[in-house]
Protein backbone atom coordinates (compact mmCIF):
# COMPACT_ATOMS: atom_id res chain seq x y z
CA UNK A 1 -9.61 39.19 3.25
CA UNK A 2 -11.74 36.16 4.10
CA UNK A 3 -10.14 33.03 1.82
CA UNK A 4 -13.89 31.26 1.33
CA UNK A 5 -15.35 34.02 -0.72
CA UNK A 6 -18.54 34.44 1.27
CA UNK A 7 -21.17 36.67 -0.78
CA UNK A 8 -19.65 36.12 -3.64
CA UNK A 9 -21.59 37.27 -6.72
CA UNK A 10 -22.12 34.39 -9.66
CA UNK A 11 -19.54 33.61 -12.06
CA UNK A 12 -21.39 35.27 -14.57
CA UNK A 13 -21.26 38.57 -13.48
CA UNK A 14 -17.69 38.36 -11.37
CA UNK A 15 -16.31 37.26 -14.76
CA UNK A 16 -17.59 39.96 -16.54
CA UNK A 17 -16.74 42.84 -13.92
CA UNK A 18 -13.17 40.89 -14.88
CA UNK A 19 -12.98 41.35 -18.16
CA UNK A 20 -13.40 45.16 -18.11
CA UNK A 21 -10.26 44.72 -16.67
CA UNK A 22 -7.55 45.33 -19.48
CA UNK A 23 -4.48 44.88 -16.62
CA UNK A 24 -5.99 41.77 -15.50
CA UNK A 25 -6.06 39.97 -18.71
CA UNK A 26 -3.04 40.94 -20.00
CA UNK A 27 -0.88 39.83 -16.43
CA UNK A 28 -3.10 36.38 -16.96
CA UNK A 29 -2.35 36.02 -20.60
CA UNK A 30 0.85 36.70 -20.79
CA UNK A 31 1.77 34.77 -16.91
CA UNK A 32 -0.41 31.78 -17.88
CA UNK A 33 1.05 31.30 -21.31
CA UNK A 34 4.52 31.61 -20.25
CA UNK A 35 3.70 28.64 -17.70
CA UNK A 36 2.50 25.86 -19.65
CA UNK A 37 5.09 26.26 -23.08
CA UNK A 38 7.69 25.74 -20.35
CA UNK A 39 5.07 23.11 -18.66
CA UNK A 40 4.98 21.44 -21.98
CA UNK A 41 9.03 21.06 -23.04
CA UNK A 42 9.25 19.81 -19.61
CA UNK A 43 6.36 16.72 -20.18
CA UNK A 44 7.87 16.35 -23.41
CA UNK A 45 11.17 15.34 -21.88
CA UNK A 46 9.83 12.05 -20.31
CA UNK A 47 9.09 9.34 -22.70
CA UNK A 48 6.78 7.28 -20.20
CA UNK A 49 5.07 10.73 -19.06
CA UNK A 50 1.86 8.89 -20.21
CA UNK A 51 2.52 5.60 -18.00
CA UNK A 52 3.85 7.78 -14.95
CA UNK A 53 -0.26 9.94 -15.52
CA UNK A 54 -2.00 6.26 -15.73
CA UNK A 55 0.01 5.53 -12.49
CA UNK A 56 -1.27 8.09 -10.62
CA UNK A 57 -4.11 8.18 -11.75
CA UNK A 58 -4.74 4.46 -10.34
CA UNK A 59 -2.42 5.25 -6.73
CA UNK A 60 -5.17 7.91 -6.10
CA UNK A 61 -7.93 5.68 -7.07
CA UNK A 62 -6.93 2.97 -5.01
CA UNK A 63 -6.49 5.52 -2.57
CA UNK A 64 -9.57 6.93 -2.56
CA UNK A 65 -11.44 3.52 -2.71
CA UNK A 66 -9.73 2.18 0.45
CA UNK A 67 -9.45 6.00 2.43
CA UNK A 68 -10.91 4.65 5.96
CA UNK A 69 -8.15 1.99 6.13
CA UNK A 70 -5.43 4.45 4.99
CA UNK A 71 -5.96 7.05 7.25
CA UNK A 72 -6.27 4.91 10.39
CA UNK A 73 -3.32 3.64 8.88
CA UNK A 74 -1.74 7.28 8.96
CA UNK A 75 -3.19 8.23 12.04
CA UNK A 76 -1.28 4.93 14.00
CA UNK A 77 1.93 6.28 12.38
CA UNK A 78 2.06 9.85 13.17
CA UNK A 79 1.16 8.40 16.49
CA UNK A 80 3.86 5.94 16.28
CA UNK A 81 6.49 8.82 15.78
CA UNK A 82 5.33 11.13 18.36
CA UNK A 83 2.90 13.50 16.34
CA UNK A 84 -0.71 13.98 17.66
CA UNK A 85 -3.33 13.61 14.93
CA UNK A 86 -7.08 15.78 15.30
CA UNK A 87 -9.77 15.07 13.03
CA UNK A 88 -12.30 17.82 11.56
CA UNK A 89 -15.31 17.41 9.93
CA UNK A 90 -15.74 20.90 8.59
CA UNK A 91 -13.78 24.37 8.59
CA UNK A 92 -15.36 25.60 12.19
CA UNK A 93 -13.94 22.59 13.83
CA UNK A 94 -10.50 22.56 12.37
CA UNK A 95 -9.93 26.20 13.05
CA UNK A 96 -11.08 26.13 16.55
CA UNK A 97 -8.85 22.97 17.02
CA UNK A 98 -5.85 25.10 15.45
CA UNK A 99 -6.73 27.88 17.38
CA UNK A 100 -7.17 25.71 20.78
CA UNK A 101 -3.27 24.21 20.13
CA UNK A 102 -1.55 28.10 19.24
CA UNK A 103 -3.72 29.50 23.15
CA UNK A 104 -1.97 26.74 24.57
CA UNK A 105 1.15 27.43 23.42
CA UNK A 106 0.85 31.31 24.93
CA UNK A 107 1.85 32.56 21.90
CA UNK A 108 -0.43 35.53 19.82
CA UNK A 109 1.30 35.02 15.82
CA UNK A 110 2.01 31.74 13.61
CA UNK A 111 3.75 31.78 10.28
CA UNK A 112 2.63 30.29 7.65
CA UNK A 113 3.85 28.30 4.67
CA UNK A 114 1.12 27.73 1.76
CA UNK A 115 -1.70 25.68 2.69
CA UNK A 116 -4.76 25.63 0.22
CA UNK A 117 -6.46 23.77 2.66
CA UNK A 118 -6.10 27.00 5.87
CA UNK A 119 -7.28 29.17 3.01
CA UNK A 120 -10.08 27.13 2.51
CA UNK A 121 -11.64 26.64 5.61
CA UNK A 122 -10.56 30.87 6.60
CA UNK A 123 -8.10 29.91 9.23
CA UNK A 124 -5.97 33.15 9.33
CA UNK A 125 -9.23 35.33 9.71
CA UNK A 126 -10.45 32.41 12.61
CA UNK A 127 -7.24 32.78 14.63
CA UNK A 128 -7.44 37.01 14.34
CA UNK A 129 -10.52 36.33 15.86
CA UNK A 130 -9.00 34.89 18.62
CA UNK A 131 -6.14 37.52 18.91
CA UNK A 132 -3.59 35.69 17.17
CA UNK A 133 -1.45 37.10 13.63
CA UNK A 134 -0.93 34.52 11.08
CA UNK A 135 1.91 35.87 8.78
CA UNK A 136 1.72 34.20 5.54
CA UNK A 137 5.70 33.39 4.20
CA UNK A 138 4.89 32.50 0.64
CA UNK A 139 5.82 35.83 -1.93
CA UNK A 140 3.22 35.76 -3.82
CA UNK A 141 0.50 34.86 -0.49
CA UNK A 142 2.62 37.87 0.97
CA UNK A 143 1.82 40.18 -1.54
CA UNK A 144 -2.17 39.18 -1.51
CA UNK A 145 -2.02 39.31 2.64
CA UNK A 146 -0.34 42.89 2.56
CA UNK A 147 -2.72 43.51 -0.62
CA UNK A 148 -5.61 42.76 1.36
CA UNK A 149 -6.34 40.83 -1.71
CA UNK A 150 -7.60 37.11 -2.40
CA UNK A 151 -5.29 34.60 -4.41
CA UNK A 152 -6.25 34.12 -8.19
CA UNK A 153 -4.44 31.18 -9.04
CA UNK A 154 -3.43 27.62 -7.25
CA UNK A 155 0.41 27.98 -7.82
CA UNK A 156 0.81 31.66 -8.12
CA UNK A 157 -1.52 33.56 -5.98
CA UNK A 158 -0.35 36.40 -7.00
CA UNK A 159 -0.86 35.65 -10.94
CA UNK A 160 -3.33 39.15 -11.27
CA UNK A 161 -0.34 41.61 -10.16
CA UNK A 162 2.41 42.92 -12.09
CA UNK A 163 5.64 44.31 -10.67
CA UNK A 164 4.31 48.27 -10.63
CA UNK A 165 1.54 46.73 -8.70
CA UNK A 166 3.82 44.74 -6.28
CA UNK A 167 5.93 47.20 -5.54
CA UNK A 168 3.22 49.89 -4.68
CA UNK A 169 1.94 47.15 -2.35
CA UNK A 170 5.39 46.80 -0.60
CA UNK A 171 5.86 50.00 -0.21
CA UNK A 172 2.54 50.97 1.34
CA UNK A 173 2.05 47.89 3.69
CA UNK A 174 5.27 46.86 4.44
CA UNK A 175 5.49 48.67 7.36
CA UNK A 176 2.34 47.83 9.05
CA UNK A 177 3.45 44.42 8.89
CA UNK A 178 6.99 44.42 10.18
CA UNK A 179 9.97 45.58 8.61
CA UNK A 180 9.41 48.24 6.38
CA UNK A 181 10.51 48.19 2.21
CA UNK A 182 13.36 50.31 1.38
CA UNK A 183 12.68 53.98 0.91
CA UNK A 184 14.26 53.52 -2.68
CA UNK A 185 12.17 50.26 -3.57
CA UNK A 186 12.21 49.85 -7.34
CA UNK A 187 10.03 47.15 -9.36
CA UNK A 188 13.15 44.98 -10.34
CA UNK A 189 12.35 41.47 -9.65
CA UNK A 190 15.55 40.92 -7.31
CA UNK A 191 14.95 44.50 -5.17
CA UNK A 192 11.15 43.12 -4.40
CA UNK A 193 12.44 39.56 -3.56
CA UNK A 194 14.86 41.26 -1.08
CA UNK A 195 12.77 43.33 0.70
CA UNK A 196 10.02 40.45 0.88
CA UNK A 197 13.60 38.40 2.62
CA UNK A 198 14.66 41.12 4.72
CA UNK A 199 10.73 41.45 5.81
CA UNK A 200 10.01 38.04 6.44
CA UNK A 201 13.63 37.15 8.24
CA UNK A 202 12.29 38.44 11.42
CA UNK A 203 9.35 36.76 11.37
CA UNK A 204 11.11 33.30 10.56
CA UNK A 205 13.48 34.08 13.60
CA UNK A 206 10.73 34.79 15.97
CA UNK A 207 7.97 32.50 15.45
CA UNK A 208 7.51 30.11 17.95
CA UNK A 209 4.47 28.37 16.00
CA UNK A 210 4.50 27.44 12.37
CA UNK A 211 1.05 26.64 10.67
CA UNK A 212 1.70 24.41 7.16
CA UNK A 213 -0.42 22.31 4.89
CA UNK A 214 1.23 19.10 2.81
CA UNK A 215 0.87 18.21 -0.56
CA UNK A 216 1.43 14.31 0.71
CA UNK A 217 1.01 12.14 3.27
CA UNK A 218 2.51 8.54 3.52
CA UNK A 219 0.70 5.97 5.31
CA UNK A 220 2.86 3.35 5.78
CA UNK A 221 5.52 5.86 7.69
CA UNK A 222 3.20 8.76 8.81
CA UNK A 223 5.26 11.00 6.97
CA UNK A 224 4.06 14.60 5.58
CA UNK A 225 5.50 16.06 2.04
CA UNK A 226 5.46 19.78 1.32
CA UNK A 227 6.91 21.09 -2.27
CA UNK A 228 8.11 24.61 -2.70
CA UNK A 229 10.04 26.72 -4.19
CA UNK A 230 11.08 29.79 -2.30
CA UNK A 231 12.72 27.95 0.82
CA UNK A 232 10.38 29.60 3.11
CA UNK A 233 8.56 26.21 3.63
CA UNK A 234 11.79 24.60 5.14
CA UNK A 235 12.26 27.81 7.39
CA UNK A 236 8.31 27.02 8.90
CA UNK A 237 8.84 23.62 9.18
CA UNK A 238 12.27 23.26 11.11
CA UNK A 239 12.45 26.34 13.18
CA UNK A 240 9.18 26.77 15.08
CA UNK A 241 8.97 24.95 18.70
CA UNK A 242 5.26 23.96 17.57
CA UNK A 243 4.00 22.46 14.14
CA UNK A 244 0.41 22.22 13.32
CA UNK A 245 -0.27 20.86 9.53
CA UNK A 246 -3.71 21.05 8.53
CA UNK A 247 -4.75 18.64 5.19
CA UNK A 248 -7.22 17.28 3.53
CA UNK A 249 -8.22 13.50 4.01
CA UNK A 250 -7.38 12.92 0.45
CA UNK A 251 -3.84 13.78 0.37
CA UNK A 252 -2.88 10.00 1.73
CA UNK A 253 -1.04 7.87 -0.21
CA UNK A 254 -0.45 4.15 0.68
CA UNK A 255 3.35 4.23 0.31
CA UNK A 256 7.00 5.15 -0.12
CA UNK A 257 6.83 3.51 -3.60
CA UNK A 258 3.75 6.10 -4.41
CA UNK A 259 4.92 9.18 -3.32
CA UNK A 260 7.83 8.70 -6.04
CA UNK A 261 5.02 8.77 -8.96
CA UNK A 262 4.41 12.45 -7.76
CA UNK A 263 7.59 13.71 -7.24
CA UNK A 264 7.95 12.98 -11.01
CA UNK A 265 4.88 14.62 -12.22
CA UNK A 266 3.91 17.38 -9.81
CA UNK A 267 6.91 19.71 -10.53
CA UNK A 268 6.76 19.18 -14.13
CA UNK A 269 2.90 19.71 -14.21
CA UNK A 270 3.23 22.94 -12.10
CA UNK A 271 6.31 24.80 -12.53
CA UNK A 272 7.61 23.00 -15.27
CA UNK A 273 10.89 21.62 -13.28
CA UNK A 274 12.62 18.47 -13.34
CA UNK A 275 12.34 18.36 -9.38
CA UNK A 276 10.96 20.71 -6.86
CA UNK A 277 13.39 22.83 -5.33
CA UNK A 278 12.55 22.72 -1.81
CA UNK A 279 10.84 19.63 -0.92
CA UNK A 280 10.65 19.03 3.17
CA UNK A 281 9.45 15.96 4.27
CA UNK A 282 8.42 15.34 8.53
CA UNK A 283 7.91 12.51 10.60
CA UNK A 284 7.01 13.22 13.69
CA UNK A 285 9.07 14.82 16.27
CA UNK A 286 12.82 14.05 16.89
CA UNK A 287 14.70 15.72 19.98
CA UNK A 288 16.98 18.19 18.88
CA UNK A 289 15.86 18.50 15.34
CA UNK A 290 13.06 20.82 14.47
CA UNK A 291 9.63 21.25 16.20
CA UNK A 292 9.65 19.55 19.54
CA UNK A 293 5.89 18.83 18.85
CA UNK A 294 3.55 18.34 16.14
CA UNK A 295 0.01 18.37 15.51
CA UNK A 296 -1.71 17.06 12.11
CA UNK A 297 -5.38 18.23 11.70
CA UNK A 298 -6.93 16.08 9.11
CA UNK A 299 -10.16 17.99 7.65
CA UNK A 300 -12.76 16.41 5.71
CA UNK A 301 -15.09 19.69 5.06
CA UNK A 302 -17.06 18.46 1.89
CA UNK A 303 -14.38 15.46 1.17
CA UNK A 304 -16.36 12.72 2.53
CA UNK A 305 -20.15 13.77 0.75
CA UNK A 306 -17.69 14.24 -2.95
CA UNK A 307 -16.33 10.51 -2.37
CA UNK A 308 -19.78 9.39 -2.20
CA UNK A 309 -20.37 10.62 -5.86
CA UNK A 310 -18.66 7.97 -8.13
CA UNK A 311 -18.85 10.25 -10.64
CA UNK A 312 -17.06 13.56 -9.27
CA UNK A 313 -15.28 11.74 -6.34
CA UNK A 314 -12.52 11.86 -9.32
CA UNK A 315 -11.86 15.21 -8.16
CA UNK A 316 -10.09 14.40 -5.33
CA UNK A 317 -7.39 13.04 -7.44
CA UNK A 318 -6.01 16.30 -7.89
CA UNK A 319 -2.69 17.44 -6.40
CA UNK A 320 -2.96 20.93 -6.94
CA UNK A 321 -0.09 21.68 -10.11
CA UNK A 322 -2.37 24.11 -11.25
CA UNK A 323 -1.52 23.16 -15.21
CA UNK A 324 -5.29 22.74 -16.01
CA UNK A 325 -5.84 26.82 -15.28
CA UNK A 326 -3.01 27.74 -17.34
CA UNK A 327 -4.57 26.06 -20.28
CA UNK A 328 -8.18 27.03 -19.60
CA UNK A 329 -9.53 30.12 -21.90
CA UNK A 330 -12.04 30.92 -19.50
CA UNK A 331 -10.06 31.28 -16.50
CA UNK A 332 -7.53 33.29 -19.00
CA UNK A 333 -9.91 35.88 -19.50
CA UNK A 334 -11.68 36.13 -16.02
CA UNK A 335 -8.95 35.20 -13.84
CA UNK A 336 -9.36 33.58 -10.32
CA UNK A 337 -11.25 36.20 -8.42
CA UNK A 338 -13.98 35.10 -10.77
CA UNK A 339 -14.84 31.68 -9.22
CA UNK A 340 -15.63 32.28 -5.61
CA UNK A 341 -13.20 30.13 -4.29
CA UNK A 342 -9.83 29.79 -3.31
CA UNK A 343 -9.96 26.98 -6.19
CA UNK A 344 -10.19 28.53 -9.04
CA UNK A 345 -10.21 27.48 -13.00
CA UNK A 346 -11.20 24.31 -14.17
CA UNK A 347 -10.51 22.45 -11.06
CA UNK A 348 -12.12 24.72 -8.70
CA UNK A 349 -15.40 24.42 -10.84
CA UNK A 350 -16.03 21.09 -10.17
CA UNK A 351 -14.18 20.56 -6.80
CA UNK A 352 -15.82 23.99 -4.59
CA UNK A 353 -19.49 23.27 -5.67
CA UNK A 354 -18.95 19.37 -4.25
CA UNK A 355 -17.31 20.33 -1.29
CA UNK A 356 -19.82 23.55 -0.72
CA UNK A 357 -22.98 22.40 -2.46
CA UNK A 358 -24.77 24.01 -5.35
CA UNK A 359 -27.39 25.64 -3.24
CA UNK A 360 -25.58 29.38 -3.56
CA UNK A 361 -25.57 31.64 -6.26
CA UNK A 362 -21.74 30.63 -7.03
CA UNK A 363 -21.59 27.10 -6.59
CA UNK A 364 -24.37 27.05 -8.58
CA UNK A 365 -22.68 28.55 -11.28
CA UNK A 366 -19.44 27.36 -11.70
CA UNK A 367 -19.56 24.45 -13.85
CA UNK A 368 -20.91 26.03 -16.16
CA UNK A 369 -17.47 28.37 -16.00
CA UNK A 370 -16.40 26.18 -19.11
CA UNK A 371 -15.90 26.20 -22.49
CA UNK A 372 -16.07 22.25 -22.45
CA UNK A 373 -13.19 22.34 -25.00
CA UNK A 374 -11.40 19.50 -23.29
CA UNK A 375 -7.90 20.77 -22.52
CA UNK A 376 -7.66 20.54 -18.67
CA UNK A 377 -8.53 17.07 -18.95
CA UNK A 378 -5.39 16.91 -21.23
CA UNK A 379 -2.57 18.16 -19.31
CA UNK A 380 -3.97 17.28 -15.99
CA UNK A 381 -1.08 14.58 -14.51
CA UNK A 382 -3.93 12.49 -12.89
CA UNK A 383 -6.45 12.37 -15.27
CA UNK A 384 -9.22 13.98 -14.22
CA UNK A 385 -12.30 13.59 -16.59
CA UNK A 386 -13.25 17.50 -15.65
CA UNK A 387 -15.53 17.82 -18.67
CA UNK A 388 -17.08 15.25 -17.55
CA UNK A 389 -17.63 15.76 -14.09
CA UNK A 390 -18.63 19.58 -15.34
CA UNK A 391 -21.81 17.84 -17.25
CA UNK A 392 -22.44 15.77 -14.49
CA UNK A 393 -22.93 18.59 -11.75
CA UNK A 394 -24.78 20.88 -14.77
CA UNK A 395 -27.30 17.54 -14.71
CA UNK A 396 -27.76 17.63 -10.71
CA UNK A 397 -28.00 21.87 -10.63
CA UNK A 398 -30.95 21.48 -13.94
CA UNK A 399 -32.29 18.59 -11.53
CA UNK A 400 -32.39 21.22 -8.54
CA UNK A 401 -34.92 23.21 -10.13
CA UNK A 402 -34.42 27.28 -10.19
CA UNK A 403 -36.12 29.56 -13.02
CA UNK A 404 -34.24 29.38 -15.53
CA UNK A 405 -33.79 25.42 -15.45
CA UNK A 406 -37.79 25.73 -15.19
CA UNK A 407 -38.45 27.52 -17.71
CA UNK A 408 -35.46 25.44 -19.87
CA UNK A 409 -37.53 22.27 -18.81
CA UNK A 410 -40.54 23.59 -19.36
CA UNK A 411 -39.39 24.51 -23.34
CA UNK A 412 -38.19 20.86 -23.59
CA UNK A 413 -40.94 19.52 -22.81
CA UNK A 414 -43.18 21.30 -24.94
CA UNK A 415 -41.26 21.02 -28.26
CA UNK A 416 -41.02 16.92 -26.98
CA UNK A 417 -44.41 17.20 -27.84
CA UNK A 418 -44.82 19.02 -30.64
CA UNK A 419 -42.23 16.41 -32.52
CA UNK A 420 -44.29 13.95 -31.23
CA UNK A 421 -47.12 15.16 -32.90
CA UNK A 422 -45.89 15.82 -37.22
CA UNK A 423 -48.93 16.96 -38.17
CA UNK A 424 -48.04 20.44 -35.56
CA UNK A 425 -44.30 20.45 -36.41
CA UNK A 426 -45.46 21.02 -40.15
CA UNK A 427 -48.28 23.51 -39.37
CA UNK A 428 -45.41 25.34 -37.22
CA UNK A 429 -42.47 25.45 -40.02
CA UNK A 430 -45.27 26.90 -42.81
CA UNK A 431 -45.83 29.26 -40.45
CA UNK A 432 -42.68 30.21 -39.50
CA UNK A 433 -41.56 30.71 -42.93
CA UNK A 434 -44.46 32.28 -43.98
CA UNK A 435 -43.97 35.03 -41.44
CA UNK A 436 -40.10 34.94 -41.57
CA UNK A 437 -39.54 38.64 -42.71
CA UNK A 438 -41.02 39.80 -39.50
CA UNK A 439 -39.41 37.88 -37.34
CA UNK A 440 -36.97 40.19 -34.84
CA UNK A 441 -32.92 39.70 -35.97
CA UNK A 442 -32.27 38.98 -31.32
CA UNK A 443 -34.76 36.68 -29.81
CA UNK A 444 -36.40 38.90 -26.96
CA UNK A 445 -33.91 37.66 -23.17
CA UNK A 446 -31.43 35.93 -24.93
CA UNK A 447 -29.23 38.79 -25.67
CA UNK A 448 -26.49 37.14 -24.07
CA UNK A 449 -26.53 34.70 -26.69
CA UNK A 450 -27.29 36.55 -29.55
CA UNK A 451 -25.03 39.80 -29.15
CA UNK A 452 -22.89 37.31 -30.35
CA UNK A 453 -24.06 35.18 -32.46
CA UNK A 454 -26.56 35.38 -35.87
CA UNK A 455 -29.62 34.04 -35.80
CA UNK A 456 -30.03 31.54 -39.16
CA UNK A 457 -32.19 32.73 -41.92
CA UNK A 458 -35.65 30.87 -42.20
CA UNK A 459 -35.73 29.35 -45.95
CA UNK A 460 -38.99 30.27 -47.80
CA UNK A 461 -39.88 26.83 -47.19
CA UNK A 462 -39.74 24.17 -44.77
CA UNK A 463 -37.70 20.72 -45.83
CA UNK A 464 -40.30 18.65 -45.40
CA UNK A 465 -42.78 20.65 -47.89
CA UNK A 466 -39.36 21.28 -49.94
CA UNK A 467 -38.92 17.08 -50.18
CA UNK A 468 -42.22 16.82 -50.97
CA UNK A 469 -42.05 18.94 -54.26
CA UNK A 470 -38.78 17.55 -55.37
CA UNK A 471 -38.66 13.59 -54.31
CA UNK A 472 -41.01 10.95 -55.50
CA UNK A 473 -40.43 7.47 -54.54
CA UNK A 474 -36.84 7.85 -54.70
CA UNK A 475 -36.26 9.63 -57.84
CA UNK A 476 -36.00 13.31 -58.57
CA UNK A 477 -38.56 15.17 -60.46
CA UNK A 478 -35.31 16.33 -63.00
CA UNK A 479 -34.01 12.98 -63.51
CA UNK A 480 -34.51 8.88 -63.10
CA UNK A 481 -31.87 7.84 -60.79
CA UNK A 482 -31.91 6.58 -58.18
CA UNK A 483 -30.42 7.97 -55.07
CA UNK A 484 -27.38 6.07 -54.07
CA UNK A 485 -26.33 4.84 -57.84
CA UNK A 486 -23.27 5.51 -60.02
C-alpha cells in the first residue's frame, strides 16, 4: 500500500472513523502511555537535559542556515570516501534514480532497513512497478507490509496492532512472501519475533542490494548513521554488495562533535534507552568490508520550500524520535492513519503540509488536528515549537480561501462593523435579550461544536443597560462609596 497516502480524506473525516474503533483506541492508549512514562524516567536521569536540548536546537538551526555549504561538503566527503552522490529534487526523481541503480546490478529484489524518506516518496511501489521486490526487515514494518497496511507511528509503525492481530497476519501472509510461519504459532511475543527472524534470515543472506535511510549524515567525514533496536539494520547495511541510502537533505550535521549530542537525546526520547542498541555508521566503501558500492541519494521533495519559511523551517530540526506523538491527546485517540501521511501526530501536522503544500483537503486540515496544548513542544528534544507552527500554517490556509474561511472572514468583517457602531451594538444586545426565550439550544450548522457544548444563556438585559441603571459617575445607587475605596 502506498506510503504517500494519496486520496486520503481530510483529518476530521478520517479521525471520526478511527474513533469508532475501540480496539484501535485501546492499543494506542496502552502503547503511548507506556512509552511516554518510560521516556520521562530516562530523561529525568540527566541533570543537563535542558542544555542538551538547547544544544540540539542550536546545531540544527546553524546547519539549516548554512545547509548549502554543508551539503556540498558532505558530497565532497562521501565522494572522497568512495561513495557516489545523487541529487533528487522530488519523489519521482528519487524513485527513478534508485530503480535505475538497482536494475544496473541485475537484481530484482532489495532488503530495506526502516526509512521514512523512502516511505515518503513511495519507493516500494515505484520499485514494484519496475519489477523489483522490496522487503522490509524491521519487525514493525514487516507487520505493516505483510498486512497490506500503512505505518501509523514514527517509532512503532504497527502500534495500532495487538499480538492477536499480528499472529493472524503472520499465519495468513508469510508464506506468500517467503518462509511461512510455523503451523502452531501463538501470539506470544517471543514466538512472533522468532517467526519474523526465521522469515527474514533467508532474505538477508540472499540479497545483493540493500536500501536504507539515515538518522544523521556528518558533513566533515561523509559518515552516515542509522539507529535501530533489532539488528536488522546492521544486516542490511553490511551484507549486500550494493547499498543505496535515501536521505532528506535536512539530516546533515556539520561535525562528529555535533553527532554526540544526538547520540544522547535521540535514544532517550524515542525508545527511553540510555544508548541505542544498534548504532551503525559507515563512510563510503572499504575493500573487503561491507558493501562494494555505495550510493547516497539526497532528497529535497519540498524541504527547500520549507526552509524558506522563517517560522515553519523549525520542523526540519526534527530527529524523528516520536516523543510528540506519545504525549498528544489527539494522536492517542485518532491514531496515525488519520493524518494521511507517513509523518503522523503533531510533527506530521506541521511537516506534511509544508512538504506537500496545503492545497489538498487532507493537508489543509492537518494544522487544525491539534488542541494546541503544547505538550509536544515540552517533550521535543530539539525544541520545535509545534503550536507556533500550527497557528502559522492555519493563518496561511485561512488566507488562501475556501468556503469555510470565506464565511469566517465575512462574519468577522460584519462583527467589526457592528463593534465600530455602538448604537447598532446596543440595539442588537437589547433585541437579543428581548428574544432570548426563542433562541434555539443548538446553533444551526454548528453541530460539531454545540453537540458537546452548551450555549450560554443570555441575561434578561445587556451589561450596558445594567451599568446604566446601577452606576452613576462611578458610584453605586445603593451606597455612596467610590470604586476602589477601602
